């Protein structure tokens, strides 16, 4: 398949699946009614549908679908940027400890019985603090070697994971512990226009920053010495990538919990379709990631009477697919 056709498909697929997601669910809505409801938001039209159906489409399914696309796109482009920066195909968005730190922040908020907005703010703040700690530990003589970043991320992630385990140990097993466990598995069940408005700015800003620097990631992927020889300010660029990816990941985790495998697997799918050039890869991962997580969320809320956590489905789908990629490529990723 040609690259222009790939890009056209990547533009059409998420938009088409977004429309499908508005009438798919345990409460069925006719596709024609969804089209009429959406049209009525643009052109004033006398409604010929029940008010309850409009509420389901516009206030429940639409923000949830948009948030799923936003989170999927953000995690995917973050994973692709990290894999290029670290020159390692096994790197994902949680390598610097942002996921563990955000998870601990959310657990603390749940223990203190905070509302949804405060929980998201606390989880977001802890995610930023975790990566700031990782970056501070990795600084060596005004530089941040890649190996030091990875090792510092392992230390910080282990520290916050231990704190999270302690919070779960202290949690009330009747009420708090189930809430923490369910949140950590990942879900968009509490998605709303408010949570969408909170998550959208950092994810959009972070994604835009990565897109603006995508051509420099090609140079950075050659190694620090080669990049400096070509005039790239590697420390500034790595810092910018870390800030952008941290904003995206912390915002994503704060609104839907921990959703694994998206930032690891989707960049490889993008390379299969458009190649390893980050100028094409990063935009492609935005589309593929948005489509993928929206599809997973549609399954999560439709196939059973109770909603399946996203983290379970992404692992069930992602792990076998990653194994398939491993066998197909023989470890040759670039």
C-alpha atoms as a PDB file:
ATOM      1  CA  UNK A   1       0.000   0.000   0.000  1.00  0.00           C
ATOM      2  CA  UNK A   2       1.376   3.421  -0.966  1.00  0.00           C
ATOM      3  CA  UNK A   3       2.182   6.051   1.647  1.00  0.00           C
ATOM      4  CA  UNK A   4      -0.405   8.571   0.361  1.00  0.00           C
ATOM      5  CA  UNK A   5      -3.077   5.892   0.668  1.00  0.00           C
ATOM      6  CA  UNK A   6      -1.828   5.075   4.168  1.00  0.00           C
ATOM      7  CA  UNK A   7      -2.141   8.685   5.253  1.00  0.00           C
ATOM      8  CA  UNK A   8      -5.611   9.023   3.741  1.00  0.00           C
ATOM      9  CA  UNK A   9      -6.669   5.886   5.576  1.00  0.00           C
ATOM     10  CA  UNK A  10      -5.219   7.218   8.830  1.00  0.00           C
ATOM     11  CA  UNK A  11      -7.309  10.357   8.466  1.00  0.00           C
ATOM     12  CA  UNK A  12     -10.549   8.570   7.649  1.00  0.00           C
ATOM     13  CA  UNK A  13     -10.350   5.680  10.130  1.00  0.00           C
ATOM     14  CA  UNK A  14     -10.453   7.628  13.424  1.00  0.00           C
ATOM     15  CA  UNK A  15     -13.245   9.907  12.203  1.00  0.00           C
ATOM     16  CA  UNK A  16     -15.289   6.970  10.935  1.00  0.00           C
ATOM     17  CA  UNK A  17     -14.795   5.013  14.156  1.00  0.00           C
ATOM     18  CA  UNK A  18     -15.730   8.107  16.171  1.00  0.00           C
ATOM     19  CA  UNK A  19     -19.108   8.171  14.430  1.00  0.00           C
ATOM     20  CA  UNK A  20     -19.589   4.433  14.944  1.00  0.00           C
ATOM     21  CA  UNK A  21     -18.753   4.789  18.643  1.00  0.00           C
ATOM     22  CA  UNK A  22     -21.664   7.171  19.132  1.00  0.00           C
ATOM     23  CA  UNK A  23     -24.270   4.526  18.309  1.00  0.00           C
ATOM     24  CA  UNK A  24     -22.452   1.420  19.579  1.00  0.00           C
ATOM     25  CA  UNK A  25     -23.057   0.340  23.158  1.00  0.00           C
ATOM     26  CA  UNK A  26     -25.301  -1.573  25.534  1.00  0.00           C
ATOM     27  CA  UNK A  27     -28.033   0.981  24.815  1.00  0.00           C
ATOM     28  CA  UNK A  28     -28.453   0.907  21.018  1.00  0.00           C
ATOM     29  CA  UNK A  29     -29.011   4.112  19.066  1.00  0.00           C
ATOM     30  CA  UNK A  30     -29.825   4.147  15.366  1.00  0.00           C
ATOM     31  CA  UNK A  31     -27.036   5.584  13.160  1.00  0.00           C
ATOM     32  CA  UNK A  32     -29.579   7.894  11.500  1.00  0.00           C
ATOM     33  CA  UNK A  33     -30.545   9.364  14.862  1.00  0.00           C
ATOM     34  CA  UNK A  34     -26.896  10.005  15.688  1.00  0.00           C
ATOM     35  CA  UNK A  35     -26.449  11.789  12.370  1.00  0.00           C
ATOM     36  CA  UNK A  36     -29.560  13.917  12.999  1.00  0.00           C
ATOM     37  CA  UNK A  37     -28.417  14.802  16.518  1.00  0.00           C
ATOM     38  CA  UNK A  38     -24.984  15.869  15.294  1.00  0.00           C
ATOM     39  CA  UNK A  39     -26.506  17.833  12.426  1.00  0.00           C
ATOM     40  CA  UNK A  40     -28.804  19.620  14.865  1.00  0.00           C
ATOM     41  CA  UNK A  41     -25.746  20.934  16.739  1.00  0.00           C
ATOM     42  CA  UNK A  42     -24.676  22.758  13.570  1.00  0.00           C
ATOM     43  CA  UNK A  43     -28.017  23.756  12.094  1.00  0.00           C
ATOM     44  CA  UNK A  44     -31.014  24.418  14.371  1.00  0.00           C
ATOM     45  CA  UNK A  45     -33.430  21.546  13.775  1.00  0.00           C
ATOM     46  CA  UNK A  46     -36.649  20.533  15.483  1.00  0.00           C
ATOM     47  CA  UNK A  47     -35.817  17.313  17.397  1.00  0.00           C
ATOM     48  CA  UNK A  48     -37.719  14.162  16.480  1.00  0.00           C
ATOM     49  CA  UNK A  49     -35.830  11.962  18.939  1.00  0.00           C
ATOM     50  CA  UNK A  50     -36.172  11.419  22.697  1.00  0.00           C
ATOM     51  CA  UNK A  51     -34.222  13.771  24.923  1.00  0.00           C
ATOM     52  CA  UNK A  52     -32.604  10.797  26.654  1.00  0.00           C
ATOM     53  CA  UNK A  53     -30.987   9.638  23.410  1.00  0.00           C
ATOM     54  CA  UNK A  54     -29.484  13.080  22.824  1.00  0.00           C
ATOM     55  CA  UNK A  55     -28.075  13.019  26.350  1.00  0.00           C
ATOM     56  CA  UNK A  56     -26.493   9.607  25.775  1.00  0.00           C
ATOM     57  CA  UNK A  57     -24.906  10.661  22.489  1.00  0.00           C
ATOM     58  CA  UNK A  58     -23.689  14.160  23.379  1.00  0.00           C
ATOM     59  CA  UNK A  59     -22.996  14.011  27.098  1.00  0.00           C
ATOM     60  CA  UNK A  60     -21.874  10.414  27.627  1.00  0.00           C
ATOM     61  CA  UNK A  61     -20.570   8.810  24.441  1.00  0.00           C
ATOM     62  CA  UNK A  62     -19.130  11.848  22.644  1.00  0.00           C
ATOM     63  CA  UNK A  63     -16.822  13.063  25.453  1.00  0.00           C
ATOM     64  CA  UNK A  64     -15.800   9.478  26.189  1.00  0.00           C
ATOM     65  CA  UNK A  65     -14.951   8.780  22.554  1.00  0.00           C
ATOM     66  CA  UNK A  66     -13.028  12.049  22.188  1.00  0.00           C
ATOM     67  CA  UNK A  67     -11.108  11.364  25.395  1.00  0.00           C
ATOM     68  CA  UNK A  68     -10.241   7.838  24.220  1.00  0.00           C
ATOM     69  CA  UNK A  69      -8.897   9.260  20.951  1.00  0.00           C
ATOM     70  CA  UNK A  70      -6.962  11.960  22.781  1.00  0.00           C
ATOM     71  CA  UNK A  71      -5.368   9.549  25.251  1.00  0.00           C
ATOM     72  CA  UNK A  72      -4.572   6.955  22.591  1.00  0.00           C
ATOM     73  CA  UNK A  73      -2.998   9.534  20.301  1.00  0.00           C
ATOM     74  CA  UNK A  74      -0.992  11.114  23.123  1.00  0.00           C
ATOM     75  CA  UNK A  75       0.391   7.866  24.523  1.00  0.00           C
ATOM     76  CA  UNK A  76       1.303   6.655  21.041  1.00  0.00           C
ATOM     77  CA  UNK A  77       3.213   9.750  19.965  1.00  0.00           C
ATOM     78  CA  UNK A  78       4.957   9.832  23.347  1.00  0.00           C
ATOM     79  CA  UNK A  79       6.074   6.225  22.949  1.00  0.00           C
ATOM     80  CA  UNK A  80       7.372   6.894  19.437  1.00  0.00           C
ATOM     81  CA  UNK A  81       9.308   9.961  20.614  1.00  0.00           C
ATOM     82  CA  UNK A  82      10.866   8.080  23.536  1.00  0.00           C
ATOM     83  CA  UNK A  83      11.830   5.109  21.365  1.00  0.00           C
ATOM     84  CA  UNK A  84      13.621   7.481  19.019  1.00  0.00           C
ATOM     85  CA  UNK A  85      15.288   9.494  21.777  1.00  0.00           C
ATOM     86  CA  UNK A  86      16.482   6.436  23.716  1.00  0.00           C
ATOM     87  CA  UNK A  87      17.189   4.464  20.517  1.00  0.00           C
ATOM     88  CA  UNK A  88      15.435   1.487  22.065  1.00  0.00           C
ATOM     89  CA  UNK A  89      12.316  -0.211  20.637  1.00  0.00           C
ATOM     90  CA  UNK A  90      11.339  -1.559  24.081  1.00  0.00           C
ATOM     91  CA  UNK A  91      10.903   1.896  25.616  1.00  0.00           C
ATOM     92  CA  UNK A  92       7.398   3.033  26.532  1.00  0.00           C
ATOM     93  CA  UNK A  93       5.882   6.112  28.129  1.00  0.00           C
ATOM     94  CA  UNK A  94       6.387   4.958  31.718  1.00  0.00           C
ATOM     95  CA  UNK A  95      10.176   4.617  31.503  1.00  0.00           C
ATOM     96  CA  UNK A  96      10.843   7.762  33.580  1.00  0.00           C
ATOM     97  CA  UNK A  97       8.421   6.908  36.365  1.00  0.00           C
ATOM     98  CA  UNK A  98       5.496   9.124  35.400  1.00  0.00           C
ATOM     99  CA  UNK A  99       2.956   6.292  35.485  1.00  0.00           C
ATOM    100  CA  UNK A 100       3.985   5.009  38.916  1.00  0.00           C
ATOM    101  CA  UNK A 101       4.041   8.530  40.347  1.00  0.00           C
ATOM    102  CA  UNK A 102       0.636   9.405  38.920  1.00  0.00           C
ATOM    103  CA  UNK A 103      -0.762   6.116  40.186  1.00  0.00           C
ATOM    104  CA  UNK A 104       0.444   6.868  43.697  1.00  0.00           C
ATOM    105  CA  UNK A 105      -1.017  10.363  43.521  1.00  0.00           C
ATOM    106  CA  UNK A 106      -4.386   8.965  42.478  1.00  0.00           C
ATOM    107  CA  UNK A 107      -4.255   6.390  45.289  1.00  0.00           C
ATOM    108  CA  UNK A 108      -3.614   9.158  47.820  1.00  0.00           C
ATOM    109  CA  UNK A 109      -6.523  11.155  46.418  1.00  0.00           C
ATOM    110  CA  UNK A 110      -8.818   8.127  46.665  1.00  0.00           C
ATOM    111  CA  UNK A 111      -7.697   7.457  50.243  1.00  0.00           C
ATOM    112  CA  UNK A 112      -8.567  11.058  51.108  1.00  0.00           C
ATOM    113  CA  UNK A 113     -11.956  10.733  49.356  1.00  0.00           C
ATOM    114  CA  UNK A 114     -11.226  13.515  46.874  1.00  0.00           C
ATOM    115  CA  UNK A 115     -13.664  14.177  44.054  1.00  0.00           C
ATOM    116  CA  UNK A 116     -12.933  13.424  40.402  1.00  0.00           C
ATOM    117  CA  UNK A 117     -11.449  16.846  39.612  1.00  0.00           C
ATOM    118  CA  UNK A 118      -9.117  16.897  42.621  1.00  0.00           C
ATOM    119  CA  UNK A 119      -8.074  13.305  41.898  1.00  0.00           C
ATOM    120  CA  UNK A 120      -7.083  14.229  38.360  1.00  0.00           C
ATOM    121  CA  UNK A 121      -5.149  17.277  39.539  1.00  0.00           C
ATOM    122  CA  UNK A 122      -3.286  15.329  42.240  1.00  0.00           C
ATOM    123  CA  UNK A 123      -2.429  12.473  39.855  1.00  0.00           C
ATOM    124  CA  UNK A 124      -1.226  14.961  37.234  1.00  0.00           C
ATOM    125  CA  UNK A 125       0.919  16.849  39.768  1.00  0.00           C
ATOM    126  CA  UNK A 126       2.513  13.664  41.110  1.00  0.00           C
ATOM    127  CA  UNK A 127       3.294  12.532  37.554  1.00  0.00           C
ATOM    128  CA  UNK A 128       5.132  15.777  36.840  1.00  0.00           C
ATOM    129  CA  UNK A 129       6.951  15.575  40.181  1.00  0.00           C
ATOM    130  CA  UNK A 130       8.045  11.993  39.506  1.00  0.00           C
ATOM    131  CA  UNK A 131       9.660  12.846  36.174  1.00  0.00           C
ATOM    132  CA  UNK A 132      11.229  15.997  37.636  1.00  0.00           C
ATOM    133  CA  UNK A 133      12.840  13.800  40.289  1.00  0.00           C
ATOM    134  CA  UNK A 134      14.069  11.385  37.617  1.00  0.00           C
ATOM    135  CA  UNK A 135      15.565  14.208  35.580  1.00  0.00           C
ATOM    136  CA  UNK A 136      17.258  15.715  38.650  1.00  0.00           C
ATOM    137  CA  UNK A 137      18.820  12.348  39.560  1.00  0.00           C
ATOM    138  CA  UNK A 138      20.062  11.854  35.998  1.00  0.00           C
ATOM    139  CA  UNK A 139      21.914  15.171  35.745  1.00  0.00           C
ATOM    140  CA  UNK A 140      25.677  14.627  35.611  1.00  0.00           C
ATOM    141  CA  UNK A 141      27.891  17.672  35.069  1.00  0.00           C
ATOM    142  CA  UNK A 142      25.138  19.605  33.288  1.00  0.00           C
ATOM    143  CA  UNK A 143      24.324  16.670  31.020  1.00  0.00           C
ATOM    144  CA  UNK A 144      21.691  13.949  31.144  1.00  0.00           C
ATOM    145  CA  UNK A 145      23.141  10.736  29.684  1.00  0.00           C
ATOM    146  CA  UNK A 146      20.547   8.345  28.319  1.00  0.00           C
ATOM    147  CA  UNK A 147      21.735   5.526  30.572  1.00  0.00           C
ATOM    148  CA  UNK A 148      21.408   7.740  33.651  1.00  0.00           C
ATOM    149  CA  UNK A 149      17.891   8.718  32.608  1.00  0.00           C
ATOM    150  CA  UNK A 150      16.856   5.079  32.268  1.00  0.00           C
ATOM    151  CA  UNK A 151      18.420   4.024  35.570  1.00  0.00           C
ATOM    152  CA  UNK A 152      16.956   7.029  37.394  1.00  0.00           C
ATOM    153  CA  UNK A 153      13.552   6.228  35.914  1.00  0.00           C
ATOM    154  CA  UNK A 154      13.806   2.671  37.216  1.00  0.00           C
ATOM    155  CA  UNK A 155      14.664   3.945  40.709  1.00  0.00           C
ATOM    156  CA  UNK A 156      11.857   6.516  40.796  1.00  0.00           C
ATOM    157  CA  UNK A 157       9.299   4.073  39.392  1.00  0.00           C
ATOM    158  CA  UNK A 158      10.281   1.475  41.995  1.00  0.00           C
ATOM    159  CA  UNK A 159      10.041   4.073  44.776  1.00  0.00           C
ATOM    160  CA  UNK A 160       6.554   5.225  43.813  1.00  0.00           C
ATOM    161  CA  UNK A 161       5.427   1.658  43.152  1.00  0.00           C
ATOM    162  CA  UNK A 162       6.442   0.822  46.727  1.00  0.00           C
ATOM    163  CA  UNK A 163       4.514   3.822  48.012  1.00  0.00           C
ATOM    164  CA  UNK A 164       1.518   2.739  45.952  1.00  0.00           C
ATOM    165  CA  UNK A 165       1.697  -0.750  47.447  1.00  0.00           C
ATOM    166  CA  UNK A 166       1.781   0.834  50.892  1.00  0.00           C
ATOM    167  CA  UNK A 167      -1.274   2.929  50.091  1.00  0.00           C
ATOM    168  CA  UNK A 168      -3.152  -0.171  48.932  1.00  0.00           C
ATOM    169  CA  UNK A 169      -2.104  -1.995  52.097  1.00  0.00           C
ATOM    170  CA  UNK A 170      -3.509   0.821  54.258  1.00  0.00           C
ATOM    171  CA  UNK A 171      -6.698   1.216  52.215  1.00  0.00           C
ATOM    172  CA  UNK A 172     -10.047   0.036  53.535  1.00  0.00           C
ATOM    173  CA  UNK A 173     -10.581  -3.355  51.838  1.00  0.00           C
ATOM    174  CA  UNK A 174     -14.337  -2.780  51.653  1.00  0.00           C
ATOM    175  CA  UNK A 175     -14.367   0.529  49.787  1.00  0.00           C
ATOM    176  CA  UNK A 176     -11.016   2.244  49.143  1.00  0.00           C
ATOM    177  CA  UNK A 177      -9.003  -0.749  47.960  1.00  0.00           C
ATOM    178  CA  UNK A 178     -11.463  -1.789  45.207  1.00  0.00           C
ATOM    179  CA  UNK A 179     -11.610   1.820  43.999  1.00  0.00           C
ATOM    180  CA  UNK A 180      -7.802   2.068  43.828  1.00  0.00           C
ATOM    181  CA  UNK A 181      -7.483  -1.305  42.104  1.00  0.00           C
ATOM    182  CA  UNK A 182     -10.150  -0.479  39.507  1.00  0.00           C
ATOM    183  CA  UNK A 183      -8.612   2.929  38.802  1.00  0.00           C
ATOM    184  CA  UNK A 184      -5.158   1.417  38.297  1.00  0.00           C
ATOM    185  CA  UNK A 185      -6.553  -1.004  35.708  1.00  0.00           C
ATOM    186  CA  UNK A 186      -7.608   1.925  33.532  1.00  0.00           C
ATOM    187  CA  UNK A 187     -11.078   3.015  32.495  1.00  0.00           C
ATOM    188  CA  UNK A 188     -12.895   5.842  30.737  1.00  0.00           C
ATOM    189  CA  UNK A 189     -16.067   5.185  32.694  1.00  0.00           C
ATOM    190  CA  UNK A 190     -15.925   8.596  34.381  1.00  0.00           C
ATOM    191  CA  UNK A 191     -15.240  10.531  31.180  1.00  0.00           C
ATOM    192  CA  UNK A 192     -17.074  13.828  30.865  1.00  0.00           C
ATOM    193  CA  UNK A 193     -16.721  17.167  29.157  1.00  0.00           C
ATOM    194  CA  UNK A 194     -14.966  18.455  32.285  1.00  0.00           C
ATOM    195  CA  UNK A 195     -12.346  15.699  32.270  1.00  0.00           C
ATOM    196  CA  UNK A 196     -11.937  16.158  28.521  1.00  0.00           C
ATOM    197  CA  UNK A 197     -11.362  19.883  29.037  1.00  0.00           C
ATOM    198  CA  UNK A 198      -8.777  19.146  31.730  1.00  0.00           C
ATOM    199  CA  UNK A 199      -6.838  16.546  29.745  1.00  0.00           C
ATOM    200  CA  UNK A 200      -6.958  18.183  26.319  1.00  0.00           C
ATOM    201  CA  UNK A 201      -4.640  21.209  26.858  1.00  0.00           C
ATOM    202  CA  UNK A 202      -1.548  19.326  28.149  1.00  0.00           C
ATOM    203  CA  UNK A 203      -1.985  16.492  25.647  1.00  0.00           C
ATOM    204  CA  UNK A 204      -2.446  18.884  22.715  1.00  0.00           C
ATOM    205  CA  UNK A 205       0.443  21.127  23.794  1.00  0.00           C
ATOM    206  CA  UNK A 206       2.745  18.147  24.341  1.00  0.00           C
ATOM    207  CA  UNK A 207       1.798  16.536  21.026  1.00  0.00           C
ATOM    208  CA  UNK A 208       2.295  19.821  19.166  1.00  0.00           C
ATOM    209  CA  UNK A 209       5.764  20.205  20.706  1.00  0.00           C
ATOM    210  CA  UNK A 210       6.764  16.709  19.612  1.00  0.00           C
ATOM    211  CA  UNK A 211       5.442  17.311  16.098  1.00  0.00           C
ATOM    212  CA  UNK A 212       7.443  20.525  15.806  1.00  0.00           C
ATOM    213  CA  UNK A 213      10.629  18.702  16.821  1.00  0.00           C
ATOM    214  CA  UNK A 214      10.023  15.498  14.888  1.00  0.00           C
ATOM    215  CA  UNK A 215      12.696  16.112  12.263  1.00  0.00           C
ATOM    216  CA  UNK A 216      15.303  16.659  15.004  1.00  0.00           C
ATOM    217  CA  UNK A 217      14.387  13.298  16.528  1.00  0.00           C
ATOM    218  CA  UNK A 218      15.793  11.669  13.399  1.00  0.00           C
ATOM    219  CA  UNK A 219      19.144  13.265  14.202  1.00  0.00           C
ATOM    220  CA  UNK A 220      18.922  12.514  17.920  1.00  0.00           C
ATOM    221  CA  UNK A 221      18.252   8.855  17.112  1.00  0.00           C
ATOM    222  CA  UNK A 222      21.739   8.742  15.556  1.00  0.00           C
ATOM    223  CA  UNK A 223      23.324   9.319  18.974  1.00  0.00           C
ATOM    224  CA  UNK A 224      24.295  12.333  21.057  1.00  0.00           C
ATOM    225  CA  UNK A 225      27.761  12.783  19.551  1.00  0.00           C
ATOM    226  CA  UNK A 226      26.532  12.667  15.966  1.00  0.00           C
ATOM    227  CA  UNK A 227      23.653  15.007  16.779  1.00  0.00           C
ATOM    228  CA  UNK A 228      25.968  17.543  18.430  1.00  0.00           C
ATOM    229  CA  UNK A 229      28.298  17.354  15.452  1.00  0.00           C
ATOM    230  CA  UNK A 230      25.348  18.297  13.235  1.00  0.00           C
ATOM    231  CA  UNK A 231      24.563  21.330  15.383  1.00  0.00           C
ATOM    232  CA  UNK A 232      21.662  19.959  17.443  1.00  0.00           C
ATOM    233  CA  UNK A 233      21.485  21.107  21.061  1.00  0.00           C
ATOM    234  CA  UNK A 234      20.939  17.623  22.422  1.00  0.00           C
ATOM    235  CA  UNK A 235      20.381  18.543  26.078  1.00  0.00           C
ATOM    236  CA  UNK A 236      17.784  21.137  25.184  1.00  0.00           C
ATOM    237  CA  UNK A 237      16.079  18.757  22.768  1.00  0.00           C
ATOM    238  CA  UNK A 238      15.989  15.858  25.262  1.00  0.00           C
ATOM    239  CA  UNK A 239      14.615  18.171  27.927  1.00  0.00           C
ATOM    240  CA  UNK A 240      11.903  19.392  25.562  1.00  0.00           C
ATOM    241  CA  UNK A 241      10.926  15.842  24.580  1.00  0.00           C
ATOM    242  CA  UNK A 242      10.767  14.802  28.230  1.00  0.00           C
ATOM    243  CA  UNK A 243       8.593  17.786  29.140  1.00  0.00           C
ATOM    244  CA  UNK A 244       6.192  17.152  26.249  1.00  0.00           C
ATOM    245  CA  UNK A 245       5.864  13.424  26.856  1.00  0.00           C
ATOM    246  CA  UNK A 246       5.454  13.959  30.607  1.00  0.00           C
ATOM    247  CA  UNK A 247       2.638  16.443  30.079  1.00  0.00           C
ATOM    248  CA  UNK A 248       0.889  13.966  27.781  1.00  0.00           C
ATOM    249  CA  UNK A 249       1.356  10.872  29.934  1.00  0.00           C
ATOM    250  CA  UNK A 250       0.551  12.532  33.254  1.00  0.00           C
ATOM    251  CA  UNK A 251      -2.640  14.012  31.787  1.00  0.00           C
ATOM    252  CA  UNK A 252      -3.644  10.676  30.258  1.00  0.00           C
ATOM    253  CA  UNK A 253      -3.047   8.698  33.455  1.00  0.00           C
ATOM    254  CA  UNK A 254      -4.841  11.309  35.567  1.00  0.00           C
ATOM    255  CA  UNK A 255      -8.126  10.928  33.642  1.00  0.00           C
ATOM    256  CA  UNK A 256      -8.231   7.219  32.821  1.00  0.00           C
ATOM    257  CA  UNK A 257      -5.728   5.393  35.004  1.00  0.00           C
ATOM    258  CA  UNK A 258      -2.896   3.206  33.767  1.00  0.00           C
ATOM    259  CA  UNK A 259      -3.355   2.012  30.190  1.00  0.00           C
ATOM    260  CA  UNK A 260      -0.384  -0.085  29.163  1.00  0.00           C
ATOM    261  CA  UNK A 261       1.034  -1.296  25.828  1.00  0.00           C
ATOM    262  CA  UNK A 262      -0.328   1.597  23.748  1.00  0.00           C
ATOM    263  CA  UNK A 263       2.888   3.608  23.823  1.00  0.00           C
ATOM    264  CA  UNK A 264       4.949   0.468  23.234  1.00  0.00           C
ATOM    265  CA  UNK A 265       3.098  -1.292  20.412  1.00  0.00           C
ATOM    266  CA  UNK A 266       1.519   1.487  18.319  1.00  0.00           C
ATOM    267  CA  UNK A 267       4.862   3.087  17.266  1.00  0.00           C
ATOM    268  CA  UNK A 268       5.889  -0.259  15.776  1.00  0.00           C
ATOM    269  CA  UNK A 269       2.625  -0.445  13.849  1.00  0.00           C
ATOM    270  CA  UNK A 270       3.375   3.046  12.544  1.00  0.00           C
ATOM    271  CA  UNK A 271       6.825   1.958  11.368  1.00  0.00           C
ATOM    272  CA  UNK A 272       5.282  -0.939   9.492  1.00  0.00           C
ATOM    273  CA  UNK A 273       3.024   1.490   7.627  1.00  0.00           C
ATOM    274  CA  UNK A 274       5.124   4.620   7.033  1.00  0.00           C
ATOM    275  CA  UNK A 275       8.682   3.693   7.970  1.00  0.00           C
ATOM    276  CA  UNK A 276      11.029   4.897  10.745  1.00  0.00           C
ATOM    277  CA  UNK A 277      11.290   8.545   9.637  1.00  0.00           C
ATOM    278  CA  UNK A 278       9.920  10.537  12.581  1.00  0.00           C
ATOM    279  CA  UNK A 279       8.611  13.233  10.247  1.00  0.00           C
ATOM    280  CA  UNK A 280       6.025  10.713   9.069  1.00  0.00           C
ATOM    281  CA  UNK A 281       5.991   8.355  12.048  1.00  0.00           C
ATOM    282  CA  UNK A 282       4.796  10.808  14.698  1.00  0.00           C
ATOM    283  CA  UNK A 283       1.728  12.022  12.759  1.00  0.00           C
ATOM    284  CA  UNK A 284       0.928   8.405  11.874  1.00  0.00           C
ATOM    285  CA  UNK A 285       1.054   7.288  15.511  1.00  0.00           C
ATOM    286  CA  UNK A 286      -1.411  10.023  16.440  1.00  0.00           C
ATOM    287  CA  UNK A 287      -4.003   8.555  14.075  1.00  0.00           C
ATOM    288  CA  UNK A 288      -3.280   4.896  14.778  1.00  0.00           C
ATOM    289  CA  UNK A 289      -3.232   5.397  18.541  1.00  0.00           C
ATOM    290  CA  UNK A 290      -6.489   7.343  18.531  1.00  0.00           C
ATOM    291  CA  UNK A 291      -8.187   4.660  16.430  1.00  0.00           C
ATOM    292  CA  UNK A 292      -6.783   1.801  18.480  1.00  0.00           C
ATOM    293  CA  UNK A 293      -7.765   3.025  21.941  1.00  0.00           C
ATOM    294  CA  UNK A 294     -11.201   4.116  20.728  1.00  0.00           C
ATOM    295  CA  UNK A 295     -11.746   0.636  19.311  1.00  0.00           C
ATOM    296  CA  UNK A 296     -10.578  -0.965  22.563  1.00  0.00           C
ATOM    297  CA  UNK A 297     -12.887   1.274  24.582  1.00  0.00           C
ATOM    298  CA  UNK A 298     -15.837   0.367  22.360  1.00  0.00           C
ATOM    299  CA  UNK A 299     -15.147  -3.279  23.121  1.00  0.00           C
ATOM    300  CA  UNK A 300     -14.689  -2.584  26.830  1.00  0.00           C
ATOM    301  CA  UNK A 301     -18.118  -1.002  27.200  1.00  0.00           C
ATOM    302  CA  UNK A 302     -20.062  -3.199  24.782  1.00  0.00           C
ATOM    303  CA  UNK A 303     -19.165  -6.877  25.015  1.00  0.00           C
ATOM    304  CA  UNK A 304     -20.366  -7.613  28.548  1.00  0.00           C
ATOM    305  CA  UNK A 305     -22.875  -6.403  31.110  1.00  0.00           C
ATOM    306  CA  UNK A 306     -20.051  -4.942  33.216  1.00  0.00           C
ATOM    307  CA  UNK A 307     -17.354  -2.744  31.731  1.00  0.00           C
ATOM    308  CA  UNK A 308     -13.954  -4.353  31.174  1.00  0.00           C
ATOM    309  CA  UNK A 309     -10.955  -2.271  32.347  1.00  0.00           C
ATOM    310  CA  UNK A 310      -8.903  -0.872  29.478  1.00  0.00           C
ATOM    311  CA  UNK A 311      -5.606  -2.086  30.909  1.00  0.00           C
ATOM    312  CA  UNK A 312      -6.749  -5.692  30.645  1.00  0.00           C
ATOM    313  CA  UNK A 313      -7.811  -5.411  27.009  1.00  0.00           C
ATOM    314  CA  UNK A 314      -4.751  -3.464  25.860  1.00  0.00           C
ATOM    315  CA  UNK A 315      -2.511  -6.117  27.417  1.00  0.00           C
ATOM    316  CA  UNK A 316      -4.532  -9.003  25.958  1.00  0.00           C
ATOM    317  CA  UNK A 317      -4.318  -7.454  22.486  1.00  0.00           C
ATOM    318  CA  UNK A 318      -0.912  -5.785  22.756  1.00  0.00           C
ATOM    319  CA  UNK A 319       1.205  -8.619  24.150  1.00  0.00           C
ATOM    320  CA  UNK A 320       0.403 -11.202  21.426  1.00  0.00           C
ATOM    321  CA  UNK A 321       0.766  -8.569  18.711  1.00  0.00           C
ATOM    322  CA  UNK A 322       4.138  -7.509  20.079  1.00  0.00           C
ATOM    323  CA  UNK A 323       5.192 -11.163  20.108  1.00  0.00           C
ATOM    324  CA  UNK A 324       4.122 -11.404  16.468  1.00  0.00           C
ATOM    325  CA  UNK A 325       6.209  -8.317  15.619  1.00  0.00           C
ATOM    326  CA  UNK A 326       9.177  -9.807  17.432  1.00  0.00           C
ATOM    327  CA  UNK A 327       8.987 -13.014  15.431  1.00  0.00           C
ATOM    328  CA  UNK A 328       8.362 -11.245  12.135  1.00  0.00           C
ATOM    329  CA  UNK A 329      11.175  -8.715  12.412  1.00  0.00           C
ATOM    330  CA  UNK A 330      13.682 -10.851  14.300  1.00  0.00           C
ATOM    331  CA  UNK A 331      14.447  -7.838  16.483  1.00  0.00           C
ATOM    332  CA  UNK A 332      15.301  -5.574  13.538  1.00  0.00           C
ATOM    333  CA  UNK A 333      13.066  -2.610  14.286  1.00  0.00           C
ATOM    334  CA  UNK A 334      14.610   0.218  12.300  1.00  0.00           C
END
